[in-house]
Amino acid sequence: MKHNLTFKLTATAILSTMALITFLIESLFPAFIIPGARFGLANVFILLALILLGAKEACFVFLVKILLGSILSGNLSSMMYSLPSGVASFILQAFLVKKCSNMFTLTAISAVSAVLNSVLQNVVYVIVTSTPSLFLYLPYLVLLGFIAGITVGITCYLIIKFLPQKLIDKLSFEGELDEGQKR
């Protein structure tokens, strides 16, 4: 069955919208336990895009979430912390999904990237504010990041498990485009 590029583009747009809406809803609530800690449920849609659509599409979903989410939530300073840590976390996650998915579960990949994100956000915050004492939050942020990563990974696994195989086949795209699809 040939894959439809329009279907893949539509799926990317839907996942981007869902990630953005989830990010905006989550931004309405106060930080979880300690300053700056969020549950990161919008990352479910980034991980889904990475698994089902590929790295380019997942990167687009990630950028929509961070850039538009920061603008629409009126919290542009969050972009300063989220973008560098998110890029590093996304690169690690994409690498692990592509090269190591036979060694690590989806939940483990999500947890590792969430911990990296928490650590890097804390480092950026300490650098920007010149407040080294904020490193005291690091163990708690790592623990919360680990829990959030596990939650995102399990949620993603369950969504993929219950998606109809026909939809997964239509979304998964590994081959070259034929001439008709290039237009």
Protein backbone atom coordinates (compact mmCIF):
# COMPACT_ATOMS: atom_id res chain seq x y z
CA MET A 1 0.00 0.00 0.00
CA LYS A 2 1.49 3.36 -1.03
CA HIS A 3 1.73 5.97 1.65
CA ASN A 4 -0.07 9.23 1.23
CA LEU A 5 2.08 12.28 1.86
CA THR A 6 -1.01 14.40 2.51
CA PHE A 7 -2.11 11.97 5.21
CA LYS A 8 1.31 12.22 6.87
CA LEU A 9 1.24 16.02 6.72
CA THR A 10 -2.25 16.03 8.24
CA ALA A 11 -1.13 13.68 11.02
CA THR A 12 1.81 15.99 11.75
CA ALA A 13 -0.53 18.99 11.96
CA ILE A 14 -2.93 17.15 14.26
CA LEU A 15 -0.13 16.01 16.59
CA SER A 16 1.32 19.55 16.60
CA THR A 17 -2.06 20.99 17.53
CA MET A 18 -2.58 18.42 20.27
CA ALA A 19 0.90 19.10 21.69
CA LEU A 20 0.28 22.86 21.62
CA ILE A 21 -3.13 22.61 23.28
CA THR A 22 -1.80 20.26 25.95
CA PHE A 23 1.15 22.59 26.59
CA LEU A 24 -1.19 25.59 26.92
CA ILE A 25 -3.54 23.79 29.29
CA GLU A 26 -0.62 22.61 31.40
CA SER A 27 0.77 26.16 31.55
CA LEU A 28 -2.46 27.31 33.25
CA PHE A 29 -1.59 25.29 36.35
CA PRO A 30 1.06 26.26 38.89
CA ALA A 31 4.43 24.50 38.85
CA PHE A 32 4.37 20.96 40.16
CA ILE A 33 5.86 20.79 43.71
CA ILE A 34 8.95 22.96 42.97
CA PRO A 35 9.43 26.02 40.75
CA GLY A 36 9.68 25.21 37.08
CA ALA A 37 8.55 21.60 37.39
CA ARG A 38 5.87 20.60 34.90
CA PHE A 39 4.53 17.18 34.02
CA GLY A 40 5.23 17.59 30.29
CA LEU A 41 2.25 15.68 28.94
CA ALA A 42 2.57 17.49 25.59
CA ASN A 43 5.68 15.38 25.05
CA VAL A 44 3.40 12.39 24.40
CA PHE A 45 2.60 13.89 21.00
CA ILE A 46 6.25 14.56 20.17
CA LEU A 47 7.16 10.97 21.01
CA LEU A 48 4.19 9.68 19.02
CA ALA A 49 5.29 11.73 16.03
CA LEU A 50 8.83 10.40 16.39
CA ILE A 51 7.68 6.78 16.50
CA LEU A 52 4.94 6.95 13.88
CA LEU A 53 6.07 9.67 11.47
CA GLY A 54 9.81 10.21 11.82
CA ALA A 55 12.34 12.67 13.19
CA LYS A 56 11.57 15.61 10.85
CA GLU A 57 7.89 15.56 11.65
CA ALA A 58 8.52 15.11 15.37
CA CYS A 59 10.94 18.04 15.29
CA PHE A 60 8.18 20.15 13.76
CA VAL A 61 5.76 19.09 16.52
CA PHE A 62 8.43 19.95 19.12
CA LEU A 63 9.08 23.41 17.63
CA VAL A 64 5.36 24.21 17.43
CA LYS A 65 4.96 23.22 21.07
CA ILE A 66 7.90 25.31 22.31
CA LEU A 67 7.71 28.37 20.05
CA LEU A 68 3.97 28.85 19.68
CA GLY A 69 3.32 27.59 23.20
CA SER A 70 5.65 30.19 24.71
CA ILE A 71 4.15 32.96 22.59
CA LEU A 72 0.50 32.02 23.17
CA SER A 73 0.96 31.44 26.90
CA GLY A 74 2.58 34.87 27.20
CA ASN A 75 5.67 33.36 28.77
CA LEU A 76 8.47 34.09 26.33
CA SER A 77 11.09 33.60 29.03
CA SER A 78 10.14 29.92 29.20
CA MET A 79 11.47 29.57 25.67
CA MET A 80 14.92 30.55 26.93
CA TYR A 81 14.96 27.51 29.22
CA SER A 82 12.86 25.09 27.20
CA LEU A 83 14.48 25.42 23.81
CA PRO A 84 18.12 24.46 24.59
CA SER A 85 17.17 21.62 26.92
CA GLY A 86 14.37 20.49 24.61
CA VAL A 87 16.63 20.38 21.56
CA ALA A 88 19.23 18.28 23.38
CA SER A 89 16.53 16.02 24.81
CA PHE A 90 14.87 15.65 21.40
CA ILE A 91 18.18 14.76 19.71
CA LEU A 92 18.87 12.12 22.35
CA GLN A 93 15.35 10.73 22.05
CA ALA A 94 15.50 10.61 18.24
CA PHE A 95 18.89 8.87 18.37
CA LEU A 96 17.68 6.29 20.89
CA VAL A 97 14.50 5.58 18.93
CA LYS A 98 16.41 5.18 15.66
CA LYS A 99 19.50 3.31 16.86
CA CYS A 100 18.65 1.68 20.18
CA SER A 101 14.92 0.91 20.21
CA ASN A 102 15.71 -2.81 20.17
CA MET A 103 17.72 -2.37 23.41
CA PHE A 104 15.52 0.11 25.30
CA THR A 105 11.79 0.30 25.82
CA LEU A 106 9.83 3.35 24.78
CA THR A 107 9.33 4.14 28.46
CA ALA A 108 13.07 4.01 29.17
CA ILE A 109 13.83 6.26 26.19
CA SER A 110 11.23 8.75 27.37
CA ALA A 111 12.53 8.68 30.95
CA VAL A 112 16.16 9.23 29.92
CA SER A 113 15.29 12.16 27.68
CA ALA A 114 13.05 13.70 30.37
CA VAL A 115 15.87 13.50 32.93
CA LEU A 116 18.28 15.13 30.47
CA ASN A 117 15.72 17.87 29.85
CA SER A 118 15.33 18.51 33.60
CA VAL A 119 19.08 18.66 34.19
CA LEU A 120 19.72 21.01 31.26
CA GLN A 121 16.84 23.32 32.16
CA ASN A 122 18.24 23.63 35.66
CA VAL A 123 21.72 24.34 34.31
CA VAL A 124 20.41 27.01 31.93
CA TYR A 125 18.39 28.58 34.74
CA VAL A 126 21.44 28.69 37.01
CA ILE A 127 23.55 30.25 34.24
CA VAL A 128 20.92 32.86 33.29
CA THR A 129 20.17 33.89 36.86
CA SER A 130 23.73 33.47 38.20
CA THR A 131 22.28 31.60 41.16
CA PRO A 132 24.27 28.40 41.81
CA SER A 133 22.18 27.63 44.89
CA LEU A 134 19.38 26.60 42.50
CA PHE A 135 21.35 23.42 41.86
CA LEU A 136 19.78 22.28 45.14
CA TYR A 137 16.61 21.67 43.13
CA LEU A 138 18.41 19.31 40.76
CA PRO A 139 17.80 15.99 42.59
CA TYR A 140 14.09 16.79 42.84
CA LEU A 141 13.89 17.89 39.22
CA VAL A 142 15.64 14.69 38.13
CA LEU A 143 13.20 12.58 40.13
CA LEU A 144 10.17 14.46 38.80
CA GLY A 145 11.59 14.32 35.26
CA PHE A 146 12.06 10.58 35.60
CA ILE A 147 8.47 10.10 36.79
CA ALA A 148 7.14 12.37 34.04
CA GLY A 149 9.23 10.53 31.42
CA ILE A 150 7.89 7.17 32.57
CA THR A 151 4.34 8.53 32.45
CA VAL A 152 4.84 9.92 28.93
CA GLY A 153 6.47 6.67 27.76
CA ILE A 154 3.71 4.46 29.15
CA THR A 155 1.01 6.73 27.72
CA CYS A 156 2.69 6.67 24.32
CA TYR A 157 3.07 2.89 24.44
CA LEU A 158 -0.61 2.43 25.28
CA ILE A 159 -1.74 4.78 22.52
CA ILE A 160 0.37 2.93 19.94
CA LYS A 161 -0.79 -0.45 21.29
CA PHE A 162 -4.44 0.47 20.81
CA LEU A 163 -4.13 2.25 17.46
CA PRO A 164 -5.50 0.20 14.59
CA GLN A 165 -2.70 -1.48 12.62
CA LYS A 166 -4.11 0.00 9.41
CA LEU A 167 -3.56 3.52 10.76
CA ILE A 168 -0.04 2.71 11.95
CA ASP A 169 0.80 1.29 8.50
CA LYS A 170 -0.51 4.44 6.86
CA LEU A 171 1.48 6.72 9.17
CA SER A 172 4.75 4.79 9.14
CA PHE A 173 6.83 5.89 6.21
CA GLU A 174 10.27 4.45 5.54
CA GLY A 175 10.55 4.29 1.77
CA GLU A 176 11.23 6.74 -1.01
CA LEU A 177 8.38 8.69 -2.56
CA ASP A 178 7.25 7.60 -5.97
CA GLU A 179 6.96 10.22 -8.71
CA GLY A 180 3.25 10.81 -8.09
CA GLN A 181 3.81 11.57 -4.40
CA LYS A 182 6.68 14.01 -5.03
CA ARG A 183 4.28 16.55 -6.53
